[in-house]
Amino acid sequence: MGWGGIQNGRLLTLAQSQFDIFLTLDQGIPHQQNLGKYEIAVLLLRAASNDIDDLKPLVPLILAAIPTAQKRALTVVAL
């Protein structure tokens, strides 16, 4: 989408116009952004790293969280 290098606030603004859910590994996002002003649900993934082997176990939890994820709110997904 050509969004490489775009920072959180601007990225959330762009994402909210095209997506319902924003997945992130950025543990600082709830402290750096006022998530209540964005029309998008934010799922914060907590994993040992961003390595695919650390993320794979979260997939069922992500899928389970999607139906109840609320816009303007943070949902933490962790094992």
PDB file of N, CA and C in Angstrom:
ATOM      1  N   MET A   1       0.815  -1.188   0.000  1.00  0.00           N
ATOM      2  CA  MET A   1       0.000   0.000   0.000  1.00  0.00           C
ATOM      3  C   MET A   1       0.858   1.252   0.000  1.00  0.00           C
ATOM      4  N   GLY A   2       2.162   1.053   0.071  1.00  0.00           N
ATOM      5  CA  GLY A   2       3.043   2.204   0.079  1.00  0.00           C
ATOM      6  C   GLY A   2       3.083   2.941   1.400  1.00  0.00           C
ATOM      7  N   TRP A   3       2.747   2.248   2.482  1.00  0.00           N
ATOM      8  CA  TRP A   3       2.693   2.885   3.789  1.00  0.00           C
ATOM      9  C   TRP A   3       3.953   2.659   4.614  1.00  0.00           C
ATOM     10  N   GLY A   4       4.968   2.065   4.047  1.00  0.00           N
ATOM     11  CA  GLY A   4       6.212   1.808   4.773  1.00  0.00           C
ATOM     12  C   GLY A   4       6.798   3.087   5.335  1.00  0.00           C
ATOM     13  N   GLY A   5       7.196   3.049   6.591  1.00  0.00           N
ATOM     14  CA  GLY A   5       7.816   4.193   7.226  1.00  0.00           C
ATOM     15  C   GLY A   5       6.846   5.190   7.833  1.00  0.00           C
ATOM     16  N   ILE A   6       5.552   4.988   7.635  1.00  0.00           N
ATOM     17  CA  ILE A   6       4.560   5.895   8.222  1.00  0.00           C
ATOM     18  C   ILE A   6       4.425   5.555   9.700  1.00  0.00           C
ATOM     19  N   GLN A   7       4.443   6.582  10.532  1.00  0.00           N
ATOM     20  CA  GLN A   7       4.390   6.396  11.976  1.00  0.00           C
ATOM     21  C   GLN A   7       2.964   6.154  12.476  1.00  0.00           C
ATOM     22  N   ASN A   8       2.854   5.713  13.729  1.00  0.00           N
ATOM     23  CA  ASN A   8       1.603   5.236  14.320  1.00  0.00           C
ATOM     24  C   ASN A   8       0.385   6.116  14.111  1.00  0.00           C
ATOM     25  N   GLY A   9       0.437   7.387  14.510  1.00  0.00           N
ATOM     26  CA  GLY A   9      -0.740   8.235  14.401  1.00  0.00           C
ATOM     27  C   GLY A   9      -1.243   8.359  12.971  1.00  0.00           C
ATOM     28  N   ARG A  10      -0.360   8.647  12.073  1.00  0.00           N
ATOM     29  CA  ARG A  10      -0.723   8.767  10.654  1.00  0.00           C
ATOM     30  C   ARG A  10      -1.148   7.410  10.102  1.00  0.00           C
ATOM     31  N   LEU A  11      -0.459   6.352  10.532  1.00  0.00           N
ATOM     32  CA  LEU A  11      -0.788   5.007  10.075  1.00  0.00           C
ATOM     33  C   LEU A  11      -2.196   4.615  10.527  1.00  0.00           C
ATOM     34  N   LEU A  12      -2.542   4.905  11.760  1.00  0.00           N
ATOM     35  CA  LEU A  12      -3.888   4.612  12.248  1.00  0.00           C
ATOM     36  C   LEU A  12      -4.943   5.411  11.483  1.00  0.00           C
ATOM     37  N   THR A  13      -4.631   6.653  11.169  1.00  0.00           N
ATOM     38  CA  THR A  13      -5.552   7.484  10.406  1.00  0.00           C
ATOM     39  C   THR A  13      -5.795   6.881   9.020  1.00  0.00           C
ATOM     40  N   LEU A  14      -4.735   6.464   8.357  1.00  0.00           N
ATOM     41  CA  LEU A  14      -4.884   5.830   7.043  1.00  0.00           C
ATOM     42  C   LEU A  14      -5.637   4.507   7.153  1.00  0.00           C
ATOM     43  N   ALA A  15      -5.263   3.696   8.129  1.00  0.00           N
ATOM     44  CA  ALA A  15      -5.854   2.366   8.278  1.00  0.00           C
ATOM     45  C   ALA A  15      -7.347   2.419   8.573  1.00  0.00           C
ATOM     46  N   GLN A  16      -7.767   3.384   9.390  1.00  0.00           N
ATOM     47  CA  GLN A  16      -9.184   3.430   9.774  1.00  0.00           C
ATOM     48  C   GLN A  16     -10.117   3.674   8.589  1.00  0.00           C
ATOM     49  N   SER A  17      -9.589   4.232   7.524  1.00  0.00           N
ATOM     50  CA  SER A  17     -10.437   4.482   6.360  1.00  0.00           C
ATOM     51  C   SER A  17     -10.587   3.246   5.467  1.00  0.00           C
ATOM     52  N   GLN A  18      -9.750   2.225   5.707  1.00  0.00           N
ATOM     53  CA  GLN A  18      -9.790   1.053   4.824  1.00  0.00           C
ATOM     54  C   GLN A  18      -9.941  -0.280   5.536  1.00  0.00           C
ATOM     55  N   PHE A  19      -9.743  -0.283   6.865  1.00  0.00           N
ATOM     56  CA  PHE A  19      -9.770  -1.539   7.608  1.00  0.00           C
ATOM     57  C   PHE A  19     -10.604  -1.399   8.873  1.00  0.00           C
ATOM     58  N   ASP A  20     -11.011  -2.527   9.424  1.00  0.00           N
ATOM     59  CA  ASP A  20     -11.752  -2.549  10.681  1.00  0.00           C
ATOM     60  C   ASP A  20     -10.842  -2.805  11.870  1.00  0.00           C
ATOM     61  N   ILE A  21      -9.732  -3.509  11.625  1.00  0.00           N
ATOM     62  CA  ILE A  21      -8.836  -3.915  12.714  1.00  0.00           C
ATOM     63  C   ILE A  21      -7.391  -3.643  12.330  1.00  0.00           C
ATOM     64  N   PHE A  22      -6.646  -3.159  13.320  1.00  0.00           N
ATOM     65  CA  PHE A  22      -5.222  -2.859  13.161  1.00  0.00           C
ATOM     66  C   PHE A  22      -4.459  -3.788  14.100  1.00  0.00           C
ATOM     67  N   LEU A  23      -3.623  -4.664  13.549  1.00  0.00           N
ATOM     68  CA  LEU A  23      -2.792  -5.568  14.344  1.00  0.00           C
ATOM     69  C   LEU A  23      -1.422  -4.941  14.528  1.00  0.00           C
ATOM     70  N   THR A  24      -0.919  -4.975  15.746  1.00  0.00           N
ATOM     71  CA  THR A  24       0.401  -4.405  15.990  1.00  0.00           C
ATOM     72  C   THR A  24       1.148  -5.190  17.062  1.00  0.00           C
ATOM     73  N   LEU A  25       2.459  -5.120  16.979  1.00  0.00           N
ATOM     74  CA  LEU A  25       3.338  -5.663  18.012  1.00  0.00           C
ATOM     75  C   LEU A  25       3.934  -4.537  18.848  1.00  0.00           C
ATOM     76  N   ASP A  26       3.591  -3.298  18.524  1.00  0.00           N
ATOM     77  CA  ASP A  26       4.146  -2.128  19.197  1.00  0.00           C
ATOM     78  C   ASP A  26       3.554  -2.000  20.600  1.00  0.00           C
ATOM     79  N   GLN A  27       4.322  -2.426  21.602  1.00  0.00           N
ATOM     80  CA  GLN A  27       3.849  -2.428  22.983  1.00  0.00           C
ATOM     81  C   GLN A  27       3.614  -1.013  23.524  1.00  0.00           C
ATOM     82  N   GLY A  28       4.185  -0.017  22.884  1.00  0.00           N
ATOM     83  CA  GLY A  28       4.032   1.354  23.341  1.00  0.00           C
ATOM     84  C   GLY A  28       2.803   2.053  22.799  1.00  0.00           C
ATOM     85  N   ILE A  29       2.117   1.451  21.842  1.00  0.00           N
ATOM     86  CA  ILE A  29       1.018   2.145  21.179  1.00  0.00           C
ATOM     87  C   ILE A  29      -0.072   2.633  22.134  1.00  0.00           C
ATOM     88  N   PRO A  30      -0.446   1.886  23.176  1.00  0.00           N
ATOM     89  CA  PRO A  30      -1.502   2.418  24.041  1.00  0.00           C
ATOM     90  C   PRO A  30      -1.051   3.649  24.837  1.00  0.00           C
ATOM     91  N   HIS A  31       0.239   3.823  24.993  1.00  0.00           N
ATOM     92  CA  HIS A  31       0.777   4.963  25.734  1.00  0.00           C
ATOM     93  C   HIS A  31       1.110   6.135  24.809  1.00  0.00           C
ATOM     94  N   GLN A  32       1.332   5.842  23.545  1.00  0.00           N
ATOM     95  CA  GLN A  32       1.745   6.866  22.588  1.00  0.00           C
ATOM     96  C   GLN A  32       0.583   7.457  21.800  1.00  0.00           C
ATOM     97  N   GLN A  33      -0.525   6.739  21.729  1.00  0.00           N
ATOM     98  CA  GLN A  33      -1.652   7.175  20.902  1.00  0.00           C
ATOM     99  C   GLN A  33      -2.937   7.204  21.724  1.00  0.00           C
ATOM    100  N   ASN A  34      -3.803   8.139  21.418  1.00  0.00           N
ATOM    101  CA  ASN A  34      -5.137   8.188  21.994  1.00  0.00           C
ATOM    102  C   ASN A  34      -6.021   7.322  21.099  1.00  0.00           C
ATOM    103  N   LEU A  35      -6.099   6.048  21.407  1.00  0.00           N
ATOM    104  CA  LEU A  35      -6.799   5.108  20.539  1.00  0.00           C
ATOM    105  C   LEU A  35      -8.293   5.397  20.442  1.00  0.00           C
ATOM    106  N   GLY A  36      -8.836   6.117  21.407  1.00  0.00           N
ATOM    107  CA  GLY A  36     -10.248   6.454  21.395  1.00  0.00           C
ATOM    108  C   GLY A  36     -10.658   7.390  20.279  1.00  0.00           C
ATOM    109  N   LYS A  37      -9.701   8.008  19.627  1.00  0.00           N
ATOM    110  CA  LYS A  37     -10.059   8.923  18.540  1.00  0.00           C
ATOM    111  C   LYS A  37     -10.028   8.266  17.159  1.00  0.00           C
ATOM    112  N   TYR A  38      -9.677   7.002  17.107  1.00  0.00           N
ATOM    113  CA  TYR A  38      -9.584   6.305  15.822  1.00  0.00           C
ATOM    114  C   TYR A  38     -10.746   5.326  15.647  1.00  0.00           C
ATOM    115  N   GLU A  39     -11.351   5.363  14.478  1.00  0.00           N
ATOM    116  CA  GLU A  39     -12.471   4.474  14.146  1.00  0.00           C
ATOM    117  C   GLU A  39     -11.947   3.118  13.668  1.00  0.00           C
ATOM    118  N   ILE A  40     -11.119   2.505  14.499  1.00  0.00           N
ATOM    119  CA  ILE A  40     -10.558   1.202  14.173  1.00  0.00           C
ATOM    120  C   ILE A  40     -10.267   0.472  15.474  1.00  0.00           C
ATOM    121  N   ALA A  41     -10.464  -0.827  15.477  1.00  0.00           N
ATOM    122  CA  ALA A  41     -10.109  -1.650  16.631  1.00  0.00           C
ATOM    123  C   ALA A  41      -8.614  -1.956  16.548  1.00  0.00           C
ATOM    124  N   VAL A  42      -7.935  -1.901  17.677  1.00  0.00           N
ATOM    125  CA  VAL A  42      -6.505  -2.179  17.703  1.00  0.00           C
ATOM    126  C   VAL A  42      -6.270  -3.463  18.498  1.00  0.00           C
ATOM    127  N   LEU A  43      -5.640  -4.441  17.862  1.00  0.00           N
ATOM    128  CA  LEU A  43      -5.248  -5.667  18.539  1.00  0.00           C
ATOM    129  C   LEU A  43      -3.747  -5.625  18.761  1.00  0.00           C
ATOM    130  N   LEU A  44      -3.356  -5.625  20.012  1.00  0.00           N
ATOM    131  CA  LEU A  44      -1.952  -5.600  20.396  1.00  0.00           C
ATOM    132  C   LEU A  44      -1.501  -7.031  20.648  1.00  0.00           C
ATOM    133  N   LEU A  45      -0.572  -7.506  19.842  1.00  0.00           N
ATOM    134  CA  LEU A  45      -0.073  -8.877  19.966  1.00  0.00           C
ATOM    135  C   LEU A  45       1.115  -8.903  20.910  1.00  0.00           C
ATOM    136  N   ARG A  46       1.045  -9.768  21.896  1.00  0.00           N
ATOM    137  CA  ARG A  46       2.160  -9.939  22.821  1.00  0.00           C
ATOM    138  C   ARG A  46       2.795 -11.295  22.545  1.00  0.00           C
ATOM    139  N   ALA A  47       4.007 -11.241  22.051  1.00  0.00           N
ATOM    140  CA  ALA A  47       4.754 -12.454  21.717  1.00  0.00           C
ATOM    141  C   ALA A  47       6.210 -12.217  22.085  1.00  0.00           C
ATOM    142  N   ALA A  48       6.966 -13.293  22.177  1.00  0.00           N
ATOM    143  CA  ALA A  48       8.383 -13.184  22.538  1.00  0.00           C
ATOM    144  C   ALA A  48       9.166 -12.361  21.522  1.00  0.00           C
ATOM    145  N   SER A  49       8.732 -12.420  20.255  1.00  0.00           N
ATOM    146  CA  SER A  49       9.392 -11.660  19.194  1.00  0.00           C
ATOM    147  C   SER A  49       8.425 -11.556  18.018  1.00  0.00           C
ATOM    148  N   ASN A  50       8.875 -10.915  16.945  1.00  0.00           N
ATOM    149  CA  ASN A  50       8.039 -10.856  15.747  1.00  0.00           C
ATOM    150  C   ASN A  50       8.365 -11.986  14.778  1.00  0.00           C
ATOM    151  N   ASP A  51       9.086 -12.974  15.254  1.00  0.00           N
ATOM    152  CA  ASP A  51       9.403 -14.156  14.464  1.00  0.00           C
ATOM    153  C   ASP A  51       8.114 -14.964  14.245  1.00  0.00           C
ATOM    154  N   ILE A  52       7.952 -15.470  13.055  1.00  0.00           N
ATOM    155  CA  ILE A  52       6.736 -16.198  12.703  1.00  0.00           C
ATOM    156  C   ILE A  52       6.457 -17.354  13.665  1.00  0.00           C
ATOM    157  N   ASP A  53       7.495 -18.016  14.155  1.00  0.00           N
ATOM    158  CA  ASP A  53       7.290 -19.128  15.078  1.00  0.00           C
ATOM    159  C   ASP A  53       6.738 -18.660  16.425  1.00  0.00           C
ATOM    160  N   ASP A  54       7.022 -17.427  16.807  1.00  0.00           N
ATOM    161  CA  ASP A  54       6.459 -16.871  18.038  1.00  0.00           C
ATOM    162  C   ASP A  54       5.043 -16.347  17.825  1.00  0.00           C
ATOM    163  N   LEU A  55       4.733 -15.960  16.592  1.00  0.00           N
ATOM    164  CA  LEU A  55       3.415 -15.398  16.286  1.00  0.00           C
ATOM    165  C   LEU A  55       2.361 -16.455  15.959  1.00  0.00           C
ATOM    166  N   LYS A  56       2.764 -17.566  15.373  1.00  0.00           N
ATOM    167  CA  LYS A  56       1.814 -18.608  14.972  1.00  0.00           C
ATOM    168  C   LYS A  56       0.873 -19.050  16.094  1.00  0.00           C
ATOM    169  N   PRO A  57       1.362 -19.253  17.320  1.00  0.00           N
ATOM    170  CA  PRO A  57       0.439 -19.675  18.380  1.00  0.00           C
ATOM    171  C   PRO A  57      -0.643 -18.648  18.708  1.00  0.00           C
ATOM    172  N   LEU A  58      -0.442 -17.400  18.309  1.00  0.00           N
ATOM    173  CA  LEU A  58      -1.441 -16.364  18.578  1.00  0.00           C
ATOM    174  C   LEU A  58      -2.595 -16.362  17.577  1.00  0.00           C
ATOM    175  N   VAL A  59      -2.421 -17.015  16.447  1.00  0.00           N
ATOM    176  CA  VAL A  59      -3.428 -16.951  15.382  1.00  0.00           C
ATOM    177  C   VAL A  59      -4.823 -17.359  15.866  1.00  0.00           C
ATOM    178  N   PRO A  60      -5.004 -18.483  16.578  1.00  0.00           N
ATOM    179  CA  PRO A  60      -6.357 -18.814  17.045  1.00  0.00           C
ATOM    180  C   PRO A  60      -6.917 -17.758  18.005  1.00  0.00           C
ATOM    181  N   LEU A  61      -6.053 -17.157  18.798  1.00  0.00           N
ATOM    182  CA  LEU A  61      -6.498 -16.122  19.729  1.00  0.00           C
ATOM    183  C   LEU A  61      -6.892 -14.840  18.987  1.00  0.00           C
ATOM    184  N   ILE A  62      -6.150 -14.527  17.946  1.00  0.00           N
ATOM    185  CA  ILE A  62      -6.484 -13.365  17.116  1.00  0.00           C
ATOM    186  C   ILE A  62      -7.852 -13.581  16.474  1.00  0.00           C
ATOM    187  N   LEU A  63      -8.043 -14.747  15.884  1.00  0.00           N
ATOM    188  CA  LEU A  63      -9.319 -15.050  15.226  1.00  0.00           C
ATOM    189  C   LEU A  63     -10.482 -15.003  16.215  1.00  0.00           C
ATOM    190  N   ALA A  64     -10.241 -15.449  17.441  1.00  0.00           N
ATOM    191  CA  ALA A  64     -11.287 -15.406  18.467  1.00  0.00           C
ATOM    192  C   ALA A  64     -11.576 -13.981  18.924  1.00  0.00           C
ATOM    193  N   ALA A  65     -10.572 -13.114  18.898  1.00  0.00           N
ATOM    194  CA  ALA A  65     -10.739 -11.730  19.355  1.00  0.00           C
ATOM    195  C   ALA A  65     -11.416 -10.831  18.324  1.00  0.00           C
ATOM    196  N   ILE A  66     -11.305 -11.164  17.066  1.00  0.00           N
ATOM    197  CA  ILE A  66     -11.827 -10.299  16.004  1.00  0.00           C
ATOM    198  C   ILE A  66     -13.323  -9.992  16.150  1.00  0.00           C
ATOM    199  N   PRO A  67     -14.181 -10.973  16.398  1.00  0.00           N
ATOM    200  CA  PRO A  67     -15.615 -10.654  16.449  1.00  0.00           C
ATOM    201  C   PRO A  67     -16.017  -9.684  17.567  1.00  0.00           C
ATOM    202  N   THR A  68     -15.248  -9.635  18.634  1.00  0.00           N
ATOM    203  CA  THR A  68     -15.622  -8.779  19.765  1.00  0.00           C
ATOM    204  C   THR A  68     -14.746  -7.531  19.889  1.00  0.00           C
ATOM    205  N   ALA A  69     -13.765  -7.382  19.018  1.00  0.00           N
ATOM    206  CA  ALA A  69     -12.878  -6.214  19.072  1.00  0.00           C
ATOM    207  C   ALA A  69     -13.693  -4.955  18.796  1.00  0.00           C
ATOM    208  N   GLN A  70     -13.508  -3.964  19.641  1.00  0.00           N
ATOM    209  CA  GLN A  70     -14.266  -2.722  19.538  1.00  0.00           C
ATOM    210  C   GLN A  70     -13.439  -1.616  18.899  1.00  0.00           C
ATOM    211  N   LYS A  71     -14.078  -0.841  18.029  1.00  0.00           N
ATOM    212  CA  LYS A  71     -13.421   0.350  17.485  1.00  0.00           C
ATOM    213  C   LYS A  71     -13.142   1.298  18.638  1.00  0.00           C
ATOM    214  N   ARG A  72     -12.079   2.086  18.497  1.00  0.00           N
ATOM    215  CA  ARG A  72     -11.675   3.063  19.511  1.00  0.00           C
ATOM    216  C   ARG A  72     -11.155   2.418  20.787  1.00  0.00           C
ATOM    217  N   ALA A  73     -10.781   1.137  20.692  1.00  0.00           N
ATOM    218  CA  ALA A  73     -10.337   0.420  21.891  1.00  0.00           C
ATOM    219  C   ALA A  73      -9.185  -0.517  21.557  1.00  0.00           C
ATOM    220  N   LEU A  74      -8.489  -0.908  22.608  1.00  0.00           N
ATOM    221  CA  LEU A  74      -7.350  -1.821  22.506  1.00  0.00           C
ATOM    222  C   LEU A  74      -7.764  -3.188  23.024  1.00  0.00           C
ATOM    223  N   THR A  75      -7.402  -4.228  22.297  1.00  0.00           N
ATOM    224  CA  THR A  75      -7.563  -5.601  22.741  1.00  0.00           C
ATOM    225  C   THR A  75      -6.182  -6.227  22.745  1.00  0.00           C
ATOM    226  N   VAL A  76      -5.787  -6.775  23.872  1.00  0.00           N
ATOM    227  CA  VAL A  76      -4.481  -7.427  23.975  1.00  0.00           C
ATOM    228  C   VAL A  76      -4.662  -8.910  23.684  1.00  0.00           C
ATOM    229  N   VAL A  77      -3.812  -9.429  22.805  1.00  0.00           N
ATOM    230  CA  VAL A  77      -3.832 -10.837  22.443  1.00  0.00           C
ATOM    231  C   VAL A  77      -2.491 -11.418  22.881  1.00  0.00           C
ATOM    232  N   ALA A  78      -2.561 -12.351  23.821  1.00  0.00           N
ATOM    233  CA  ALA A  78      -1.345 -12.960  24.375  1.00  0.00           C
ATOM    234  C   ALA A  78      -1.641 -14.381  24.820  1.00  0.00           C
ATOM    235  N   LEU A  79      -0.609 -15.189  24.900  1.00  0.00           N
ATOM    236  CA  LEU A  79      -0.754 -16.561  25.414  1.00  0.00           C
ATOM    237  C   LEU A  79      -0.795 -16.527  26.916  1.00  0.00           C
TER     238      LEU A  79
END
